[in-house]
Structures are given as C-alpha cells and as structure tokens.
Amino acid sequence: MIVKGDVTVLGEDIRFKGKLYAKNSLTIKGYFRGYIQAPGELRISPVAKVEADIEAEKICIEGEMQGNAYASKKIEIAKTARVVADLHTDDLQIESGSHFRGTCVMN
C-alpha cells in the first residue's frame, strides 16, 4: 500500500479481503473483496477487480466492480468499466461503451 499525498493506493500486486476504512481518498489497482469506506474519492482503476459494498463521497469506476455502491456526491462509470451493482447517488455519469447491469437510486 502506497500513500501519495491524500490518496492511498492498493497496487496491482495486492489481493485484499476484508473491511477497509480509508482516512483519505483511495485508488485500487489490484483485487479487493469485502467492504470499503472512504471519506473522499474511491477510484477503481482499469486493471482492478472489486467485489464489495462501497461507501464514499465520489466513486470512479474504470475497472470491474460487483456489489453495492453508495456515493454522497457522484458515481462515474468509464468506458473501460464492467459493473454489476446497485448504485445509490445524487449524480450518475455513465460513459458510452461501458457495461452496467443493475439498478440506480438517485437521491
């Protein structure tokens, strides 16, 4: 795990299962399964695979994500993303070319 400024990075070589509570923003580049709570931005990189329930201010999904996502401000799904999830947010952006299966509740 690397901390760059106010962002914690779980590298590509990391496989993590459990509960993760971040103090800052978080970028995941490896595999994660469990629960994540981050007060800032959570970024799931294009090479990442995440199976989790997530709570964050902003969630940017560029890789694979399964589970439930709760963002107090915004969820962004990039064209490289593959998402099977139920989303809860005030603002949702889905880029053309992405794969999304699930529901979205707009607060």
PDB file of N, CA and C in Angstrom:
ATOM      1  N   MET A   1       0.848  -1.167   0.000  1.00  0.00           N
ATOM      2  CA  MET A   1       0.000   0.000   0.000  1.00  0.00           C
ATOM      3  C   MET A   1       0.895   1.232   0.000  1.00  0.00           C
ATOM      4  N   ILE A   2       0.572   2.181  -0.881  1.00  0.00           N
ATOM      5  CA  ILE A   2       1.353   3.401  -1.019  1.00  0.00           C
ATOM      6  C   ILE A   2       0.449   4.592  -0.717  1.00  0.00           C
ATOM      7  N   VAL A   3       0.961   5.579   0.000  1.00  0.00           N
ATOM      8  CA  VAL A   3       0.208   6.811   0.244  1.00  0.00           C
ATOM      9  C   VAL A   3       0.877   7.926  -0.534  1.00  0.00           C
ATOM     10  N   LYS A   4       0.134   8.538  -1.477  1.00  0.00           N
ATOM     11  CA  LYS A   4       0.640   9.654  -2.274  1.00  0.00           C
ATOM     12  C   LYS A   4      -0.206  10.867  -1.950  1.00  0.00           C
ATOM     13  N   GLY A   5       0.331  11.784  -1.169  1.00  0.00           N
ATOM     14  CA  GLY A   5      -0.448  12.952  -0.773  1.00  0.00           C
ATOM     15  C   GLY A   5      -1.630  12.517   0.062  1.00  0.00           C
ATOM     16  N   ASP A   6      -2.802  12.822  -0.413  1.00  0.00           N
ATOM     17  CA  ASP A   6      -4.018  12.447   0.290  1.00  0.00           C
ATOM     18  C   ASP A   6      -4.687  11.234  -0.333  1.00  0.00           C
ATOM     19  N   VAL A   7      -3.947  10.456  -1.131  1.00  0.00           N
ATOM     20  CA  VAL A   7      -4.511   9.289  -1.804  1.00  0.00           C
ATOM     21  C   VAL A   7      -3.736   8.040  -1.405  1.00  0.00           C
ATOM     22  N   THR A   8      -4.458   7.020  -0.951  1.00  0.00           N
ATOM     23  CA  THR A   8      -3.848   5.729  -0.652  1.00  0.00           C
ATOM     24  C   THR A   8      -4.058   4.836  -1.865  1.00  0.00           C
ATOM     25  N   VAL A   9      -3.011   4.097  -2.271  1.00  0.00           N
ATOM     26  CA  VAL A   9      -3.074   3.250  -3.462  1.00  0.00           C
ATOM     27  C   VAL A   9      -2.833   1.797  -3.068  1.00  0.00           C
ATOM     28  N   LEU A  10      -3.783   0.928  -3.425  1.00  0.00           N
ATOM     29  CA  LEU A  10      -3.585  -0.521  -3.308  1.00  0.00           C
ATOM     30  C   LEU A  10      -3.080  -0.979  -4.667  1.00  0.00           C
ATOM     31  N   GLY A  11      -1.832  -1.396  -4.751  1.00  0.00           N
ATOM     32  CA  GLY A  11      -1.180  -1.713  -6.020  1.00  0.00           C
ATOM     33  C   GLY A  11      -1.720  -2.942  -6.720  1.00  0.00           C
ATOM     34  N   GLU A  12      -1.300  -3.112  -7.974  1.00  0.00           N
ATOM     35  CA  GLU A  12      -1.744  -4.225  -8.813  1.00  0.00           C
ATOM     36  C   GLU A  12      -1.410  -5.585  -8.215  1.00  0.00           C
ATOM     37  N   ASP A  13      -0.362  -5.661  -7.427  1.00  0.00           N
ATOM     38  CA  ASP A  13       0.062  -6.941  -6.857  1.00  0.00           C
ATOM     39  C   ASP A  13      -0.656  -7.278  -5.544  1.00  0.00           C
ATOM     40  N   ILE A  14      -1.588  -6.433  -5.123  1.00  0.00           N
ATOM     41  CA  ILE A  14      -2.294  -6.631  -3.849  1.00  0.00           C
ATOM     42  C   ILE A  14      -3.609  -7.371  -4.068  1.00  0.00           C
ATOM     43  N   ARG A  15      -3.834  -8.407  -3.248  1.00  0.00           N
ATOM     44  CA  ARG A  15      -5.123  -9.115  -3.170  1.00  0.00           C
ATOM     45  C   ARG A  15      -5.568  -8.985  -1.718  1.00  0.00           C
ATOM     46  N   PHE A  16      -6.724  -8.332  -1.519  1.00  0.00           N
ATOM     47  CA  PHE A  16      -7.154  -8.000  -0.170  1.00  0.00           C
ATOM     48  C   PHE A  16      -8.601  -8.424   0.023  1.00  0.00           C
ATOM     49  N   LYS A  17      -8.880  -9.096   1.144  1.00  0.00           N
ATOM     50  CA  LYS A  17     -10.240  -9.469   1.511  1.00  0.00           C
ATOM     51  C   LYS A  17     -10.497  -8.967   2.918  1.00  0.00           C
ATOM     52  N   GLY A  18     -11.646  -8.307   3.122  1.00  0.00           N
ATOM     53  CA  GLY A  18     -11.981  -7.817   4.446  1.00  0.00           C
ATOM     54  C   GLY A  18     -12.636  -6.463   4.410  1.00  0.00           C
ATOM     55  N   LYS A  19     -12.474  -5.715   5.500  1.00  0.00           N
ATOM     56  CA  LYS A  19     -13.034  -4.369   5.622  1.00  0.00           C
ATOM     57  C   LYS A  19     -11.909  -3.360   5.547  1.00  0.00           C
ATOM     58  N   LEU A  20     -12.129  -2.329   4.751  1.00  0.00           N
ATOM     59  CA  LEU A  20     -11.107  -1.302   4.555  1.00  0.00           C
ATOM     60  C   LEU A  20     -11.714   0.066   4.842  1.00  0.00           C
ATOM     61  N   TYR A  21     -11.142   0.764   5.820  1.00  0.00           N
ATOM     62  CA  TYR A  21     -11.570   2.106   6.179  1.00  0.00           C
ATOM     63  C   TYR A  21     -10.416   3.043   5.873  1.00  0.00           C
ATOM     64  N   ALA A  22     -10.601   3.914   4.884  1.00  0.00           N
ATOM     65  CA  ALA A  22      -9.540   4.839   4.490  1.00  0.00           C
ATOM     66  C   ALA A  22      -9.765   6.196   5.140  1.00  0.00           C
ATOM     67  N   LYS A  23      -8.670   6.885   5.477  1.00  0.00           N
ATOM     68  CA  LYS A  23      -8.765   8.237   6.020  1.00  0.00           C
ATOM     69  C   LYS A  23      -8.794   9.268   4.901  1.00  0.00           C
ATOM     70  N   ASN A  24      -8.304   8.875   3.745  1.00  0.00           N
ATOM     71  CA  ASN A  24      -8.198   9.768   2.595  1.00  0.00           C
ATOM     72  C   ASN A  24      -8.906   9.151   1.400  1.00  0.00           C
ATOM     73  N   SER A  25      -8.639   9.717   0.250  1.00  0.00           N
ATOM     74  CA  SER A  25      -9.114   9.120  -0.990  1.00  0.00           C
ATOM     75  C   SER A  25      -8.336   7.832  -1.229  1.00  0.00           C
ATOM     76  N   LEU A  26      -8.897   6.953  -2.054  1.00  0.00           N
ATOM     77  CA  LEU A  26      -8.333   5.621  -2.243  1.00  0.00           C
ATOM     78  C   LEU A  26      -8.378   5.227  -3.711  1.00  0.00           C
ATOM     79  N   THR A  27      -7.288   4.658  -4.214  1.00  0.00           N
ATOM     80  CA  THR A  27      -7.247   4.092  -5.557  1.00  0.00           C
ATOM     81  C   THR A  27      -6.923   2.616  -5.437  1.00  0.00           C
ATOM     82  N   ILE A  28      -7.726   1.784  -6.096  1.00  0.00           N
ATOM     83  CA  ILE A  28      -7.486   0.333  -6.086  1.00  0.00           C
ATOM     84  C   ILE A  28      -7.041  -0.076  -7.476  1.00  0.00           C
ATOM     85  N   LYS A  29      -5.878  -0.744  -7.530  1.00  0.00           N
ATOM     86  CA  LYS A  29      -5.340  -1.246  -8.792  1.00  0.00           C
ATOM     87  C   LYS A  29      -5.287  -2.767  -8.807  1.00  0.00           C
ATOM     88  N   GLY A  30      -5.492  -3.395  -7.653  1.00  0.00           N
ATOM     89  CA  GLY A  30      -5.436  -4.852  -7.546  1.00  0.00           C
ATOM     90  C   GLY A  30      -6.812  -5.453  -7.374  1.00  0.00           C
ATOM     91  N   TYR A  31      -6.890  -6.500  -6.548  1.00  0.00           N
ATOM     92  CA  TYR A  31      -8.146  -7.205  -6.274  1.00  0.00           C
ATOM     93  C   TYR A  31      -8.583  -6.907  -4.848  1.00  0.00           C
ATOM     94  N   PHE A  32      -9.863  -6.594  -4.685  1.00  0.00           N
ATOM     95  CA  PHE A  32     -10.403  -6.352  -3.357  1.00  0.00           C
ATOM     96  C   PHE A  32     -11.765  -7.007  -3.243  1.00  0.00           C
ATOM     97  N   ARG A  33     -12.009  -7.655  -2.089  1.00  0.00           N
ATOM     98  CA  ARG A  33     -13.317  -8.246  -1.810  1.00  0.00           C
ATOM     99  C   ARG A  33     -13.689  -7.931  -0.369  1.00  0.00           C
ATOM    100  N   GLY A  34     -14.891  -7.341  -0.174  1.00  0.00           N
ATOM    101  CA  GLY A  34     -15.325  -7.031   1.183  1.00  0.00           C
ATOM    102  C   GLY A  34     -16.121  -5.758   1.264  1.00  0.00           C
ATOM    103  N   TYR A  35     -15.674  -4.860   2.145  1.00  0.00           N
ATOM    104  CA  TYR A  35     -16.365  -3.594   2.408  1.00  0.00           C
ATOM    105  C   TYR A  35     -15.341  -2.466   2.398  1.00  0.00           C
ATOM    106  N   ILE A  36     -15.704  -1.340   1.767  1.00  0.00           N
ATOM    107  CA  ILE A  36     -14.810  -0.180   1.704  1.00  0.00           C
ATOM    108  C   ILE A  36     -15.569   1.066   2.143  1.00  0.00           C
ATOM    109  N   GLN A  37     -14.923   1.842   3.014  1.00  0.00           N
ATOM    110  CA  GLN A  37     -15.457   3.147   3.375  1.00  0.00           C
ATOM    111  C   GLN A  37     -14.334   4.164   3.208  1.00  0.00           C
ATOM    112  N   ALA A  38     -14.579   5.172   2.364  1.00  0.00           N
ATOM    113  CA  ALA A  38     -13.580   6.209   2.124  1.00  0.00           C
ATOM    114  C   ALA A  38     -14.277   7.570   2.162  1.00  0.00           C
ATOM    115  N   PRO A  39     -13.738   8.537   2.909  1.00  0.00           N
ATOM    116  CA  PRO A  39     -14.403   9.828   3.028  1.00  0.00           C
ATOM    117  C   PRO A  39     -14.315  10.692   1.769  1.00  0.00           C
ATOM    118  N   GLY A  40     -13.351  10.428   0.931  1.00  0.00           N
ATOM    119  CA  GLY A  40     -13.161  11.218  -0.293  1.00  0.00           C
ATOM    120  C   GLY A  40     -13.546  10.427  -1.524  1.00  0.00           C
ATOM    121  N   GLU A  41     -12.642  10.378  -2.466  1.00  0.00           N
ATOM    122  CA  GLU A  41     -12.872   9.695  -3.738  1.00  0.00           C
ATOM    123  C   GLU A  41     -12.314   8.283  -3.711  1.00  0.00           C
ATOM    124  N   LEU A  42     -13.084   7.348  -4.244  1.00  0.00           N
ATOM    125  CA  LEU A  42     -12.604   5.982  -4.453  1.00  0.00           C
ATOM    126  C   LEU A  42     -12.498   5.772  -5.947  1.00  0.00           C
ATOM    127  N   ARG A  43     -11.311   5.398  -6.418  1.00  0.00           N
ATOM    128  CA  ARG A  43     -11.093   5.139  -7.836  1.00  0.00           C
ATOM    129  C   ARG A  43     -10.747   3.671  -8.016  1.00  0.00           C
ATOM    130  N   ILE A  44     -11.495   3.005  -8.888  1.00  0.00           N
ATOM    131  CA  ILE A  44     -11.228   1.614  -9.250  1.00  0.00           C
ATOM    132  C   ILE A  44     -10.583   1.656 -10.621  1.00  0.00           C
ATOM    133  N   SER A  45      -9.282   1.365 -10.697  1.00  0.00           N
ATOM    134  CA  SER A  45      -8.516   1.535 -11.934  1.00  0.00           C
ATOM    135  C   SER A  45      -8.921   0.495 -12.985  1.00  0.00           C
ATOM    136  N   PRO A  46      -8.545   0.707 -14.247  1.00  0.00           N
ATOM    137  CA  PRO A  46      -8.917  -0.214 -15.320  1.00  0.00           C
ATOM    138  C   PRO A  46      -8.448  -1.656 -15.119  1.00  0.00           C
ATOM    139  N   VAL A  47      -7.387  -1.866 -14.348  1.00  0.00           N
ATOM    140  CA  VAL A  47      -6.868  -3.220 -14.128  1.00  0.00           C
ATOM    141  C   VAL A  47      -7.407  -3.856 -12.851  1.00  0.00           C
ATOM    142  N   ALA A  48      -8.203  -3.119 -12.101  1.00  0.00           N
ATOM    143  CA  ALA A  48      -8.692  -3.592 -10.799  1.00  0.00           C
ATOM    144  C   ALA A  48      -9.957  -4.438 -10.926  1.00  0.00           C
ATOM    145  N   LYS A  49     -10.132  -5.320  -9.914  1.00  0.00           N
ATOM    146  CA  LYS A  49     -11.365  -6.086  -9.781  1.00  0.00           C
ATOM    147  C   LYS A  49     -11.821  -5.940  -8.328  1.00  0.00           C
ATOM    148  N   VAL A  50     -13.046  -5.424  -8.149  1.00  0.00           N
ATOM    149  CA  VAL A  50     -13.571  -5.158  -6.817  1.00  0.00           C
ATOM    150  C   VAL A  50     -14.927  -5.831  -6.654  1.00  0.00           C
ATOM    151  N   GLU A  51     -15.051  -6.634  -5.606  1.00  0.00           N
ATOM    152  CA  GLU A  51     -16.321  -7.249  -5.223  1.00  0.00           C
ATOM    153  C   GLU A  51     -16.602  -6.752  -3.817  1.00  0.00           C
ATOM    154  N   ALA A  52     -17.435  -5.694  -3.716  1.00  0.00           N
ATOM    155  CA  ALA A  52     -17.567  -5.045  -2.406  1.00  0.00           C
ATOM    156  C   ALA A  52     -18.816  -4.186  -2.306  1.00  0.00           C
ATOM    157  N   ASP A  53     -19.149  -3.894  -1.064  1.00  0.00           N
ATOM    158  CA  ASP A  53     -20.082  -2.825  -0.753  1.00  0.00           C
ATOM    159  C   ASP A  53     -19.221  -1.612  -0.447  1.00  0.00           C
ATOM    160  N   ILE A  54     -19.548  -0.489  -1.085  1.00  0.00           N
ATOM    161  CA  ILE A  54     -18.687   0.688  -1.033  1.00  0.00           C
ATOM    162  C   ILE A  54     -19.476   1.904  -0.558  1.00  0.00           C
ATOM    163  N   GLU A  55     -18.847   2.684   0.322  1.00  0.00           N
ATOM    164  CA  GLU A  55     -19.375   3.986   0.735  1.00  0.00           C
ATOM    165  C   GLU A  55     -18.267   5.004   0.549  1.00  0.00           C
ATOM    166  N   ALA A  56     -18.544   6.047  -0.238  1.00  0.00           N
ATOM    167  CA  ALA A  56     -17.568   7.111  -0.463  1.00  0.00           C
ATOM    168  C   ALA A  56     -18.293   8.367  -0.912  1.00  0.00           C
ATOM    169  N   GLU A  57     -17.567   9.473  -0.920  1.00  0.00           N
ATOM    170  CA  GLU A  57     -18.146  10.724  -1.405  1.00  0.00           C
ATOM    171  C   GLU A  57     -18.320  10.664  -2.922  1.00  0.00           C
ATOM    172  N   LYS A  58     -17.272  10.196  -3.609  1.00  0.00           N
ATOM    173  CA  LYS A  58     -17.293  10.067  -5.070  1.00  0.00           C
ATOM    174  C   LYS A  58     -16.662   8.729  -5.434  1.00  0.00           C
ATOM    175  N   ILE A  59     -17.266   8.028  -6.388  1.00  0.00           N
ATOM    176  CA  ILE A  59     -16.748   6.737  -6.828  1.00  0.00           C
ATOM    177  C   ILE A  59     -16.538   6.793  -8.335  1.00  0.00           C
ATOM    178  N   CYS A  60     -15.308   6.522  -8.774  1.00  0.00           N
ATOM    179  CA  CYS A  60     -14.963   6.482 -10.196  1.00  0.00           C
ATOM    180  C   CYS A  60     -14.599   5.044 -10.536  1.00  0.00           C
ATOM    181  N   ILE A  61     -15.376   4.431 -11.416  1.00  0.00           N
ATOM    182  CA  ILE A  61     -15.155   3.028 -11.760  1.00  0.00           C
ATOM    183  C   ILE A  61     -14.622   2.952 -13.184  1.00  0.00           C
ATOM    184  N   GLU A  62     -13.393   2.438 -13.306  1.00  0.00           N
ATOM    185  CA  GLU A  62     -12.752   2.258 -14.619  1.00  0.00           C
ATOM    186  C   GLU A  62     -12.509   0.778 -14.902  1.00  0.00           C
ATOM    187  N   GLY A  63     -12.559  -0.066 -13.857  1.00  0.00           N
ATOM    188  CA  GLY A  63     -12.307  -1.497 -13.987  1.00  0.00           C
ATOM    189  C   GLY A  63     -13.564  -2.300 -13.712  1.00  0.00           C
ATOM    190  N   GLU A  64     -13.392  -3.480 -13.076  1.00  0.00           N
ATOM    191  CA  GLU A  64     -14.523  -4.353 -12.767  1.00  0.00           C
ATOM    192  C   GLU A  64     -15.006  -4.103 -11.345  1.00  0.00           C
ATOM    193  N   MET A  65     -16.340  -4.026 -11.194  1.00  0.00           N
ATOM    194  CA  MET A  65     -16.921  -3.822  -9.872  1.00  0.00           C
ATOM    195  C   MET A  65     -18.226  -4.590  -9.761  1.00  0.00           C
ATOM    196  N   GLN A  66     -18.375  -5.328  -8.650  1.00  0.00           N
ATOM    197  CA  GLN A  66     -19.620  -6.014  -8.314  1.00  0.00           C
ATOM    198  C   GLN A  66     -19.974  -5.656  -6.891  1.00  0.00           C
ATOM    199  N   GLY A  67     -21.273  -5.432  -6.632  1.00  0.00           N
ATOM    200  CA  GLY A  67     -21.694  -5.148  -5.262  1.00  0.00           C
ATOM    201  C   GLY A  67     -22.686  -4.012  -5.198  1.00  0.00           C
ATOM    202  N   ASN A  68     -22.572  -3.233  -4.137  1.00  0.00           N
ATOM    203  CA  ASN A  68     -23.420  -2.065  -3.909  1.00  0.00           C
ATOM    204  C   ASN A  68     -22.519  -0.861  -3.703  1.00  0.00           C
ATOM    205  N   ALA A  69     -22.927   0.272  -4.302  1.00  0.00           N
ATOM    206  CA  ALA A  69     -22.123   1.486  -4.178  1.00  0.00           C
ATOM    207  C   ALA A  69     -22.997   2.637  -3.710  1.00  0.00           C
ATOM    208  N   TYR A  70     -22.547   3.304  -2.662  1.00  0.00           N
ATOM    209  CA  TYR A  70     -23.245   4.454  -2.090  1.00  0.00           C
ATOM    210  C   TYR A  70     -22.296   5.644  -2.147  1.00  0.00           C
ATOM    211  N   ALA A  71     -22.622   6.633  -2.986  1.00  0.00           N
ATOM    212  CA  ALA A  71     -21.784   7.827  -3.104  1.00  0.00           C
ATOM    213  C   ALA A  71     -22.618   9.047  -2.737  1.00  0.00           C
ATOM    214  N   SER A  72     -22.142   9.840  -1.796  1.00  0.00           N
ATOM    215  CA  SER A  72     -22.901  11.006  -1.352  1.00  0.00           C
ATOM    216  C   SER A  72     -22.939  12.110  -2.409  1.00  0.00           C
ATOM    217  N   LYS A  73     -21.948  12.114  -3.327  1.00  0.00           N
ATOM    218  CA  LYS A  73     -21.932  13.158  -4.361  1.00  0.00           C
ATOM    219  C   LYS A  73     -22.112  12.609  -5.772  1.00  0.00           C
ATOM    220  N   LYS A  74     -21.247  11.663  -6.209  1.00  0.00           N
ATOM    221  CA  LYS A  74     -21.278  11.274  -7.621  1.00  0.00           C
ATOM    222  C   LYS A  74     -20.669   9.893  -7.846  1.00  0.00           C
ATOM    223  N   ILE A  75     -21.208   9.188  -8.844  1.00  0.00           N
ATOM    224  CA  ILE A  75     -20.617   7.943  -9.338  1.00  0.00           C
ATOM    225  C   ILE A  75     -20.349   8.133 -10.820  1.00  0.00           C
ATOM    226  N   GLU A  76     -19.117   7.828 -11.242  1.00  0.00           N
ATOM    227  CA  GLU A  76     -18.731   7.881 -12.648  1.00  0.00           C
ATOM    228  C   GLU A  76     -18.367   6.479 -13.109  1.00  0.00           C
ATOM    229  N   ILE A  77     -18.921   6.067 -14.252  1.00  0.00           N
ATOM    230  CA  ILE A  77     -18.602   4.766 -14.838  1.00  0.00           C
ATOM    231  C   ILE A  77     -17.939   5.030 -16.185  1.00  0.00           C
ATOM    232  N   ALA A  78     -16.658   4.690 -16.300  1.00  0.00           N
ATOM    233  CA  ALA A  78     -15.876   4.951 -17.511  1.00  0.00           C
ATOM    234  C   ALA A  78     -16.151   3.892 -18.583  1.00  0.00           C
ATOM    235  N   LYS A  79     -15.752   4.181 -19.808  1.00  0.00           N
ATOM    236  CA  LYS A  79     -15.997   3.257 -20.916  1.00  0.00           C
ATOM    237  C   LYS A  79     -15.262   1.931 -20.751  1.00  0.00           C
ATOM    238  N   THR A  80     -14.236   1.893 -19.931  1.00  0.00           N
ATOM    239  CA  THR A  80     -13.482   0.659 -19.687  1.00  0.00           C
ATOM    240  C   THR A  80     -14.105  -0.190 -18.573  1.00  0.00           C
ATOM    241  N   ALA A  81     -15.145   0.326 -17.923  1.00  0.00           N
ATOM    242  CA  ALA A  81     -15.724  -0.332 -16.743  1.00  0.00           C
ATOM    243  C   ALA A  81     -16.681  -1.467 -17.101  1.00  0.00           C
ATOM    244  N   ARG A  82     -16.729  -2.450 -16.183  1.00  0.00           N
ATOM    245  CA  ARG A  82     -17.692  -3.548 -16.233  1.00  0.00           C
ATOM    246  C   ARG A  82     -18.310  -3.610 -14.836  1.00  0.00           C
ATOM    247  N   VAL A  83     -19.569  -3.182 -14.740  1.00  0.00           N
ATOM    248  CA  VAL A  83     -20.204  -3.002 -13.437  1.00  0.00           C
ATOM    249  C   VAL A  83     -21.479  -3.836 -13.333  1.00  0.00           C
ATOM    250  N   VAL A  84     -21.556  -4.638 -12.271  1.00  0.00           N
ATOM    251  CA  VAL A  84     -22.772  -5.349 -11.893  1.00  0.00           C
ATOM    252  C   VAL A  84     -23.045  -4.924 -10.466  1.00  0.00           C
ATOM    253  N   ALA A  85     -23.956  -3.951 -10.307  1.00  0.00           N
ATOM    254  CA  ALA A  85     -24.115  -3.343  -8.987  1.00  0.00           C
ATOM    255  C   ALA A  85     -25.429  -2.583  -8.862  1.00  0.00           C
ATOM    256  N   ASP A  86     -25.784  -2.345  -7.629  1.00  0.00           N
ATOM    257  CA  ASP A  86     -26.859  -1.427  -7.303  1.00  0.00           C
ATOM    258  C   ASP A  86     -26.196  -0.144  -6.810  1.00  0.00           C
ATOM    259  N   LEU A  87     -26.563   0.962  -7.430  1.00  0.00           N
ATOM    260  CA  LEU A  87     -25.926   2.246  -7.163  1.00  0.00           C
ATOM    261  C   LEU A  87     -26.891   3.191  -6.463  1.00  0.00           C
ATOM    262  N   HIS A  88     -26.365   3.980  -5.531  1.00  0.00           N
ATOM    263  CA  HIS A  88     -27.133   4.986  -4.803  1.00  0.00           C
ATOM    264  C   HIS A  88     -26.309   6.267  -4.804  1.00  0.00           C
ATOM    265  N   THR A  89     -26.824   7.330  -5.423  1.00  0.00           N
ATOM    266  CA  THR A  89     -26.055   8.560  -5.538  1.00  0.00           C
ATOM    267  C   THR A  89     -26.940   9.742  -5.901  1.00  0.00           C
ATOM    268  N   ASP A  90     -26.405  10.953  -5.795  1.00  0.00           N
ATOM    269  CA  ASP A  90     -27.101  12.154  -6.247  1.00  0.00           C
ATOM    270  C   ASP A  90     -26.859  12.414  -7.725  1.00  0.00           C
ATOM    271  N   ASP A  91     -25.715  11.956  -8.242  1.00  0.00           N
ATOM    272  CA  ASP A  91     -25.307  12.276  -9.610  1.00  0.00           C
ATOM    273  C   ASP A  91     -24.638  11.046 -10.219  1.00  0.00           C
ATOM    274  N   LEU A  92     -25.077  10.661 -11.412  1.00  0.00           N
ATOM    275  CA  LEU A  92     -24.526   9.477 -12.089  1.00  0.00           C
ATOM    276  C   LEU A  92     -24.088   9.845 -13.494  1.00  0.00           C
ATOM    277  N   GLN A  93     -22.854   9.445 -13.841  1.00  0.00           N
ATOM    278  CA  GLN A  93     -22.334   9.664 -15.186  1.00  0.00           C
ATOM    279  C   GLN A  93     -21.881   8.314 -15.739  1.00  0.00           C
ATOM    280  N   ILE A  94     -22.458   7.897 -16.862  1.00  0.00           N
ATOM    281  CA  ILE A  94     -22.085   6.630 -17.488  1.00  0.00           C
ATOM    282  C   ILE A  94     -21.555   6.941 -18.885  1.00  0.00           C
ATOM    283  N   GLU A  95     -20.293   6.605 -19.107  1.00  0.00           N
ATOM    284  CA  GLU A  95     -19.659   6.873 -20.390  1.00  0.00           C
ATOM    285  C   GLU A  95     -20.068   5.829 -21.418  1.00  0.00           C
ATOM    286  N   SER A  96     -20.260   6.265 -22.646  1.00  0.00           N
ATOM    287  CA  SER A  96     -20.621   5.366 -23.740  1.00  0.00           C
ATOM    288  C   SER A  96     -19.559   4.282 -23.904  1.00  0.00           C
ATOM    289  N   GLY A  97     -19.995   3.042 -24.055  1.00  0.00           N
ATOM    290  CA  GLY A  97     -19.069   1.917 -24.211  1.00  0.00           C
ATOM    291  C   GLY A  97     -18.874   1.120 -22.940  1.00  0.00           C
ATOM    292  N   SER A  98     -19.328   1.650 -21.808  1.00  0.00           N
ATOM    293  CA  SER A  98     -19.195   0.915 -20.543  1.00  0.00           C
ATOM    294  C   SER A  98     -20.253  -0.177 -20.472  1.00  0.00           C
ATOM    295  N   HIS A  99     -20.070  -1.109 -19.538  1.00  0.00           N
ATOM    296  CA  HIS A  99     -21.032  -2.185 -19.306  1.00  0.00           C
ATOM    297  C   HIS A  99     -21.587  -2.014 -17.902  1.00  0.00           C
ATOM    298  N   PHE A 100     -22.911  -1.818 -17.793  1.00  0.00           N
ATOM    299  CA  PHE A 100     -23.556  -1.634 -16.497  1.00  0.00           C
ATOM    300  C   PHE A 100     -24.814  -2.492 -16.445  1.00  0.00           C
ATOM    301  N   ARG A 101     -24.892  -3.322 -15.395  1.00  0.00           N
ATOM    302  CA  ARG A 101     -26.099  -4.102 -15.133  1.00  0.00           C
ATOM    303  C   ARG A 101     -26.425  -3.943 -13.663  1.00  0.00           C
ATOM    304  N   GLY A 102     -27.630  -3.462 -13.392  1.00  0.00           N
ATOM    305  CA  GLY A 102     -28.038  -3.243 -12.022  1.00  0.00           C
ATOM    306  C   GLY A 102     -29.098  -2.175 -11.942  1.00  0.00           C
ATOM    307  N   THR A 103     -29.228  -1.573 -10.773  1.00  0.00           N
ATOM    308  CA  THR A 103     -30.194  -0.512 -10.569  1.00  0.00           C
ATOM    309  C   THR A 103     -29.481   0.729 -10.057  1.00  0.00           C
ATOM    310  N   CYS A 104     -30.172   1.853 -10.194  1.00  0.00           N
ATOM    311  CA  CYS A 104     -29.638   3.101  -9.655  1.00  0.00           C
ATOM    312  C   CYS A 104     -30.753   3.851  -8.966  1.00  0.00           C
ATOM    313  N   VAL A 105     -30.503   4.261  -7.736  1.00  0.00           N
ATOM    314  CA  VAL A 105     -31.428   5.083  -6.974  1.00  0.00           C
ATOM    315  C   VAL A 105     -30.788   6.462  -6.871  1.00  0.00           C
ATOM    316  N   MET A 106     -31.461   7.452  -7.439  1.00  0.00           N
ATOM    317  CA  MET A 106     -30.971   8.825  -7.374  1.00  0.00           C
ATOM    318  C   MET A 106     -31.598   9.485  -6.168  1.00  0.00           C
ATOM    319  N   ASN A 107     -30.766   9.960  -5.251  1.00  0.00           N
ATOM    320  CA  ASN A 107     -31.244  10.583  -4.010  1.00  0.00           C
ATOM    321  C   ASN A 107     -31.841  11.947  -4.275  1.00  0.00           C
TER     322      ASN A 107
END
